[in-house]
Protein backbone atom coordinates (compact mmCIF):
# COMPACT_ATOMS: atom_id res chain seq x y z
CA MET A 1 -64.71 55.75 -12.75
CA THR A 2 -62.06 53.17 -13.35
CA ALA A 3 -58.47 52.91 -12.19
CA SER A 4 -55.71 53.59 -14.69
CA ASN A 5 -52.05 52.82 -14.02
CA ASN A 6 -52.34 54.06 -10.43
CA LYS A 7 -52.87 57.64 -11.62
CA PHE A 8 -55.57 59.69 -9.95
CA SER A 9 -58.79 60.65 -11.67
CA LEU A 10 -60.60 61.66 -8.48
CA HIS A 11 -61.89 65.21 -8.97
CA LEU A 12 -61.62 65.93 -5.25
CA LEU A 13 -57.91 66.42 -5.99
CA ASP A 14 -58.72 70.06 -6.66
CA SER A 15 -60.20 70.66 -3.22
CA HIS A 16 -58.18 70.11 -0.04
CA PRO A 17 -59.99 71.56 3.02
CA TRP A 18 -56.83 71.74 5.16
CA ARG A 19 -55.04 74.18 2.85
CA ASP A 20 -57.06 77.12 4.21
CA ASN A 21 -56.47 76.29 7.88
CA SER A 22 -54.04 78.57 9.74
CA ASN A 23 -54.88 77.33 13.24
CA PRO A 24 -51.68 76.37 15.12
CA ILE A 25 -53.33 73.57 17.11
CA TRP A 26 -56.73 72.43 15.79
CA LEU A 27 -55.87 70.92 12.40
CA ALA A 28 -59.09 69.15 11.38
CA THR A 29 -62.39 67.62 12.45
CA THR A 30 -64.24 64.61 11.07
CA LEU A 31 -67.87 63.78 11.77
CA LYS A 32 -69.26 60.38 10.90
CA LEU A 33 -72.79 58.97 11.08
CA TYR A 34 -73.44 55.22 10.92
CA ARG A 35 -76.80 54.19 9.50
CA ASN A 36 -78.43 50.91 8.43
CA MET A 37 -81.65 50.20 6.56
CA ALA A 38 -84.61 48.61 8.29
CA LYS A 39 -85.58 45.14 7.03
CA TYR A 40 -82.08 44.47 5.67
CA LEU A 41 -79.40 42.32 7.30
CA PHE A 42 -76.00 43.86 7.99
CA PRO A 43 -73.71 43.66 4.92
CA SER A 44 -71.66 40.76 6.32
CA LYS A 45 -74.87 38.67 6.52
CA MET A 46 -76.45 39.65 3.21
CA GLU A 47 -76.51 37.68 -0.01
CA PRO A 48 -74.45 39.36 -2.80
CA THR A 49 -77.52 39.94 -4.98
CA ARG A 50 -79.28 41.68 -2.09
CA GLN A 51 -76.16 43.75 -1.39
CA LYS A 52 -75.95 44.82 -5.03
CA GLN A 53 -79.60 45.82 -5.01
CA LEU A 54 -79.14 47.96 -1.91
CA LEU A 55 -75.96 49.53 -3.29
CA ASP A 56 -77.76 50.63 -6.45
CA VAL A 57 -80.63 52.16 -4.49
CA MET A 58 -78.40 53.99 -1.99
CA SER A 59 -75.94 55.32 -4.58
CA LYS A 60 -78.72 56.75 -6.75
CA ALA A 61 -80.36 58.36 -3.72
CA LEU A 62 -77.14 59.97 -2.53
CA CYS A 63 -76.23 61.29 -5.97
CA SER A 64 -79.64 62.98 -6.19
CA ILE A 65 -79.31 64.99 -2.96
CA LYS A 66 -79.06 68.75 -3.56
CA GLU A 67 -76.85 69.21 -0.49
CA LEU A 68 -74.01 67.53 -2.41
CA SER A 69 -72.12 69.28 -5.19
CA HIS A 70 -71.80 67.07 -8.30
CA ALA A 71 -71.76 63.79 -6.40
CA SER A 72 -70.02 60.80 -8.00
CA PHE A 73 -70.25 57.07 -7.32
CA LEU A 74 -67.08 54.95 -7.15
CA ARG A 75 -67.53 51.16 -7.10
CA GLY A 76 -65.24 49.24 -4.76
CA ASP A 77 -63.86 46.89 -7.44
CA GLU A 78 -63.22 49.67 -9.96
CA ILE A 79 -60.75 51.87 -8.09
CA SER A 80 -57.14 51.02 -7.39
CA SER A 81 -55.51 50.37 -4.03
CA LEU A 82 -53.68 53.67 -4.33
CA GLU A 83 -56.92 55.56 -4.92
CA LYS A 84 -58.43 53.92 -1.84
CA GLN A 85 -55.33 54.97 0.07
CA PHE A 86 -55.94 58.51 -1.15
CA LEU A 87 -59.52 58.43 0.17
CA PHE A 88 -58.25 56.99 3.47
CA GLU A 89 -55.73 59.81 3.84
CA HIS A 90 -57.97 62.60 2.58
CA PHE A 91 -60.85 61.83 4.94
CA LEU A 92 -58.57 61.02 7.89
CA PHE A 93 -59.73 57.47 8.47
CA LEU A 94 -58.04 55.67 11.35
CA GLN A 95 -58.38 52.31 9.58
CA GLY A 96 -57.95 51.47 5.92
CA LEU A 97 -60.55 51.13 3.19
CA GLN A 98 -58.75 48.40 1.25
CA GLU A 99 -61.38 45.80 2.20
CA ALA A 100 -63.90 47.65 0.02
CA CYS A 101 -62.91 45.73 -3.10
CA HIS A 102 -66.17 44.12 -4.26
CA LYS A 103 -68.80 45.23 -6.75
CA THR A 104 -71.32 45.27 -3.89
CA GLU A 105 -69.40 48.05 -2.06
CA GLY A 106 -68.68 51.61 -3.02
CA PHE A 107 -68.11 55.27 -2.23
CA ILE A 108 -69.82 58.58 -2.93
CA ILE A 109 -67.78 61.78 -3.10
CA ASP A 110 -68.56 65.31 -4.24
CA ASP A 111 -66.38 68.10 -5.57
CA SER A 112 -66.28 69.98 -2.26
CA GLY A 113 -63.64 67.49 -1.10
CA LYS A 114 -65.38 67.42 2.29
CA PHE A 115 -67.94 64.64 1.88
CA LEU A 116 -67.59 60.87 1.70
CA ALA A 117 -70.16 58.11 1.95
CA VAL A 118 -69.03 54.50 2.36
CA LEU A 119 -71.62 51.97 1.20
CA ASN A 120 -72.05 48.35 2.27
CA LEU A 121 -68.72 47.96 4.06
CA LYS A 122 -69.55 47.01 7.67
CA ASP A 123 -72.70 49.10 7.84
CA HIS A 124 -75.05 49.90 4.99
CA LEU A 125 -74.01 53.55 5.14
CA GLN A 126 -71.26 55.65 6.71
CA ILE A 127 -71.64 59.37 6.07
CA GLN A 128 -68.47 61.35 6.77
CA LEU A 129 -67.68 65.04 6.65
CA ILE A 130 -64.25 66.66 7.08
CA ASP A 131 -63.97 70.23 8.35
CA CYS A 132 -60.80 72.29 8.88
CA GLY A 133 -62.44 75.48 10.11
CA GLN A 134 -62.90 74.50 13.79
CA ASP A 135 -66.66 74.92 13.27
CA LEU A 136 -67.83 71.72 14.94
CA GLU A 137 -71.45 72.84 15.25
CA ASN A 138 -71.81 73.86 11.61
CA GLY A 139 -70.19 70.62 10.46
CA PHE A 140 -72.68 68.64 12.51
CA ALA A 141 -75.57 70.69 11.08
CA GLN A 142 -74.37 69.87 7.55
CA ILE A 143 -74.12 66.14 8.12
CA LEU A 144 -77.50 66.14 9.89
CA ARG A 145 -79.13 67.81 6.89
CA LEU A 146 -77.75 65.08 4.64
CA GLU A 147 -79.02 62.37 6.98
CA SER A 148 -82.45 64.04 7.15
CA GLU A 149 -82.73 64.13 3.35
CA LEU A 150 -81.89 60.43 3.18
CA GLY A 151 -84.34 59.75 6.00
CA LYS A 152 -87.13 60.91 3.69
CA MET A 153 -86.21 58.09 1.28
CA PHE A 154 -85.22 55.28 3.64
CA GLU A 155 -86.37 53.79 6.92
CA TRP A 156 -83.43 53.48 9.30
CA SER A 157 -82.90 50.49 11.56
CA TYR A 158 -83.85 51.94 14.95
CA ASN A 159 -84.66 50.60 18.40
CA THR A 160 -86.39 52.67 21.09
CA ARG A 161 -83.90 51.40 23.69
CA PHE A 162 -80.65 51.26 21.72
CA GLY A 163 -81.23 54.00 19.15
CA PHE A 164 -79.80 53.58 15.64
CA LEU A 165 -78.55 50.01 15.26
CA THR A 166 -75.04 49.47 13.89
CA ALA A 167 -72.76 46.56 13.04
CA ASP A 168 -70.42 47.59 15.87
CA PRO A 169 -72.46 47.86 19.11
CA ARG A 170 -70.16 50.68 20.27
CA HIS A 171 -71.72 52.94 17.63
CA CYS A 172 -75.36 52.29 18.55
CA GLY A 173 -77.45 55.16 19.87
CA THR A 174 -76.79 58.35 17.93
CA GLY A 175 -74.38 56.59 15.55
CA LEU A 176 -72.29 59.78 15.68
CA VAL A 177 -68.51 59.68 16.03
CA ALA A 178 -66.69 63.03 15.94
CA ARG A 179 -62.90 63.24 15.91
CA LEU A 180 -60.77 66.31 16.53
CA PHE A 181 -57.19 66.31 15.23
CA LEU A 182 -55.11 68.44 17.62
CA HIS A 183 -51.40 69.26 17.42
CA LEU A 184 -50.18 68.93 21.03
CA PRO A 185 -46.36 68.75 21.07
CA ALA A 186 -45.95 70.72 24.31
CA LEU A 187 -48.33 68.48 26.27
CA ILE A 188 -46.59 65.40 24.88
CA THR A 189 -43.10 66.76 25.64
CA SER A 190 -44.07 67.75 29.19
CA GLY A 191 -45.65 64.34 29.89
CA LEU A 192 -48.96 65.96 30.90
CA LEU A 193 -51.10 64.60 28.05
CA LYS A 194 -51.89 61.19 29.55
CA ASN A 195 -53.15 62.65 32.82
CA LEU A 196 -55.28 65.23 31.03
CA VAL A 197 -56.89 62.53 28.89
CA GLU A 198 -57.59 60.30 31.91
CA THR A 199 -59.23 63.13 33.86
CA THR A 200 -61.43 64.39 31.01
CA GLU A 201 -64.77 62.58 31.01
CA GLY A 202 -66.48 61.24 27.91
CA ILE A 203 -63.55 61.26 25.48
CA GLU A 204 -61.09 58.86 23.89
CA ALA A 205 -57.63 59.86 22.69
CA THR A 206 -55.54 58.02 20.10
CA ASN A 207 -52.84 58.69 17.54
CA MET A 208 -53.71 59.09 13.84
CA SER A 209 -53.71 55.31 13.36
CA GLY A 210 -56.13 54.70 16.22
CA GLY A 211 -53.31 53.49 18.49
CA SER A 212 -51.89 54.65 21.79
CA ILE A 213 -51.09 58.30 22.49
CA GLU A 214 -47.70 57.05 23.67
CA SER A 215 -46.65 57.11 19.99
CA CYS A 216 -48.23 60.08 18.22
CA ILE A 217 -46.63 60.64 14.81
CA GLY A 218 -46.26 64.37 14.25
CA ASP A 219 -47.55 64.98 17.80
CA ILE A 220 -51.12 64.81 16.46
CA VAL A 221 -53.65 63.56 19.01
CA VAL A 222 -57.12 62.48 17.94
CA ILE A 223 -59.85 63.31 20.49
CA SER A 224 -63.24 61.63 19.99
CA ASN A 225 -66.47 60.97 21.89
CA HIS A 226 -66.30 57.83 24.01
CA PHE A 227 -70.06 57.24 23.99
CA THR A 228 -72.70 57.25 21.25
CA LEU A 229 -75.45 55.79 23.47
CA GLY A 230 -77.08 57.67 26.33
CA LEU A 231 -76.25 61.12 24.96
CA SER A 232 -77.92 63.28 22.33
CA GLU A 233 -76.00 64.47 19.28
CA ASP A 234 -76.00 68.03 20.64
CA GLU A 235 -74.56 66.85 23.96
CA ILE A 236 -71.76 64.98 22.14
CA VAL A 237 -70.87 68.04 20.06
CA ARG A 238 -71.02 70.37 23.05
CA SER A 239 -68.85 68.05 25.16
CA LEU A 240 -66.20 67.82 22.43
CA ARG A 241 -66.19 71.60 21.98
CA ILE A 242 -65.50 72.02 25.70
CA SER A 243 -62.79 69.33 25.59
CA ALA A 244 -61.13 71.00 22.59
CA ALA A 245 -61.03 74.36 24.37
CA TYR A 246 -59.54 72.69 27.45
CA PHE A 247 -56.76 70.85 25.60
CA ILE A 248 -55.93 73.89 23.46
CA GLY A 249 -55.71 76.11 26.54
CA GLU A 250 -53.38 73.67 28.30
CA GLU A 251 -51.23 73.30 25.17
CA LYS A 252 -50.81 77.08 24.89
CA ARG A 253 -49.75 77.34 28.53
CA GLU A 254 -47.14 74.62 28.10
CA ARG A 255 -45.79 76.22 24.92
CA GLN A 256 -45.05 79.41 26.83
CA LYS A 257 -42.90 77.43 29.27
CA LEU A 258 -40.80 75.95 26.44
CA SER A 259 -39.60 79.24 24.96
CA LYS A 260 -36.18 79.10 26.69
CA ASP A 261 -35.59 75.36 26.43
CA ASP A 262 -32.16 74.91 24.78
CA VAL A 263 -32.68 71.17 24.28
CA LEU A 264 -35.86 71.91 22.33
CA LYS A 265 -34.08 74.57 20.26
CA ASN A 266 -31.50 71.98 19.28
CA ARG A 267 -34.23 69.55 18.23
CA ILE A 268 -35.87 72.30 16.18
CA SER A 269 -32.55 73.12 14.46
CA ARG A 270 -31.97 69.48 13.55
CA ALA A 271 -35.55 69.09 12.29
CA TYR A 272 -35.25 72.22 10.15
CA GLY A 273 -32.00 70.96 8.65
CA LEU A 274 -33.55 67.60 7.84
CA LEU A 275 -36.53 69.18 6.08
CA LEU A 276 -34.40 71.66 4.17
CA HIS A 277 -31.61 69.35 3.02
CA SER A 278 -32.85 65.74 2.89
CA TYR A 279 -32.58 64.08 -0.51
CA GLN A 280 -35.27 61.58 0.54
CA ALA A 281 -37.89 61.98 3.28
CA GLU A 282 -39.89 59.26 5.02
CA THR A 283 -43.43 60.05 6.23
CA GLU A 284 -42.81 59.63 9.95
CA GLU A 285 -39.62 61.72 10.11
CA THR A 286 -41.22 64.40 7.95
CA LEU A 287 -44.26 64.75 10.21
CA ALA A 288 -42.08 64.75 13.34
CA SER A 289 -39.91 67.52 11.89
CA LEU A 290 -42.91 69.55 10.72
CA SER A 291 -44.30 69.33 14.25
CA LEU A 292 -41.15 70.93 15.67
CA CYS A 293 -41.20 73.64 13.01
CA LYS A 294 -44.81 74.50 13.86
CA LEU A 295 -43.70 74.88 17.46
CA ALA A 296 -40.78 77.06 16.30
CA ILE A 297 -43.20 79.50 14.63
CA ASP A 298 -45.02 80.07 17.92
CA MET A 299 -41.68 80.50 19.71
CA GLY A 300 -40.62 83.19 17.21
CA LEU A 301 -37.76 81.04 15.91
CA LEU A 302 -38.91 80.49 12.33
CA LYS A 303 -39.93 83.04 9.69
CA GLY A 304 -40.79 82.93 6.00
CA ILE A 305 -43.36 80.15 6.45
CA ASP A 306 -46.61 80.08 8.41
CA HIS A 307 -48.97 77.64 10.09
CA GLN A 308 -51.26 77.52 7.05
CA LYS A 309 -48.47 76.21 4.84
CA LEU A 310 -47.23 73.76 7.48
CA ASN A 311 -50.76 72.48 8.14
CA ALA A 312 -51.10 71.77 4.42
CA LEU A 313 -47.75 69.94 4.41
CA PHE A 314 -48.88 67.74 7.31
CA PHE A 315 -51.59 66.28 5.11
CA ASP A 316 -50.06 66.65 1.63
CA SER A 317 -46.87 64.77 2.57
CA ARG A 318 -48.63 61.43 3.02
CA LYS A 319 -47.88 58.82 0.36
CA ALA A 320 -50.98 58.90 -1.84
CA HIS A 321 -51.15 62.69 -1.74
CA VAL A 322 -47.49 63.02 -2.69
CA LEU A 323 -48.10 60.75 -5.67
CA SER A 324 -51.16 62.74 -6.67
CA LEU A 325 -49.18 65.99 -6.63
CA HIS A 326 -46.23 64.44 -8.48
CA THR A 327 -48.09 62.35 -11.04
CA GLU A 328 -44.91 61.43 -12.88
CA ALA A 329 -43.43 59.76 -9.79
CA LYS A 330 -43.47 56.00 -9.23
CA ASP A 331 -44.16 54.30 -5.90
CA GLU A 332 -40.44 53.79 -5.23
CA GLU A 333 -39.79 57.51 -5.83
CA VAL A 334 -42.24 58.81 -3.24
CA THR A 335 -39.57 59.65 -0.62
CA ARG A 336 -37.71 61.79 -3.15
CA SER A 337 -40.92 63.49 -4.27
CA ARG A 338 -41.86 64.19 -0.64
CA ALA A 339 -38.46 65.82 -0.04
CA LYS A 340 -38.97 68.04 -3.11
CA LEU A 341 -42.42 69.05 -1.86
CA VAL A 342 -40.98 70.10 1.49
CA HIS A 343 -38.02 71.93 -0.09
CA GLU A 344 -40.39 74.03 -2.18
CA ALA A 345 -42.48 74.96 0.87
CA PHE A 346 -39.44 75.98 2.93
CA ALA A 347 -37.61 77.81 0.12
CA LEU A 348 -38.16 81.31 1.61
CA SER A 349 -37.91 80.30 5.27
CA SER A 350 -35.14 81.01 7.75
CA LEU A 351 -34.39 79.78 11.26
CA LEU A 352 -33.68 82.43 13.91
CA ILE A 353 -31.41 80.40 16.20
């Protein structure tokens, strides 16, 4: 695949996992496994010829796995910056993929729109799965099956004391990092979120950029496992499931308390007006307004649109996705295209205030 005038040729465009999610709080989950090959240096220490050799072997192996549906290989120097941004957004990365720009690096995707492998970036292999069905255990089972199939072809770099060895020591052990994307506006508004995070063992909480929860765009909080060493994969998954249930329960309780808050109703009214009538819409203000409208649905203040449609807008309104949906738009027209996207979604809605 090669880039062409910043227009998208990625076939995963036809499959967006979040568009079937109607959950008001749990928007998405990502599971990532870090793996490195035995007898090979980490990518940053390898000679380019050795990197290229490993890339060829890994890409062919991944594309042959039956677990993947029509897998495709994308070389790092053959896809545009905008297409990398699309992959970054689609698979909910907290950090960009722009550094993957050499012929010794690459990606594997399949037409499910749920799978991504990153090859030779910081580790030899990052296997990532996105799930929007709140089925953490099944998602882990899927990614483990993929890793097991690859394990029949490759010998992983493993130490009996430190587990799977990774470029970042924080990922050693299981090499598993799971992230839950939760919409928690009530906990943020009430000021309770920070204390809940600090008193919940074994987790980290960030915003969607990997930064502080003091500034969560769209009120989306990312909960992940703090440790990959000293715990089994099943223990990590079970711990995160319990944490998710806890945060969701607390969020629901706080939402009930907000139902008669006039200040909040005013914020919701202003957000609704912005979404419905803006000629141009920036990403941050759009996500903040969508967050309030999601809250309005649960408060019985908004009809004609549901959580499923708003969840889709949360993800589809990011820059690269807007440009993929409006292929005729130029970079400088993205704010206008985003506003049109939102207008279409809210066309049959009405605010009950």
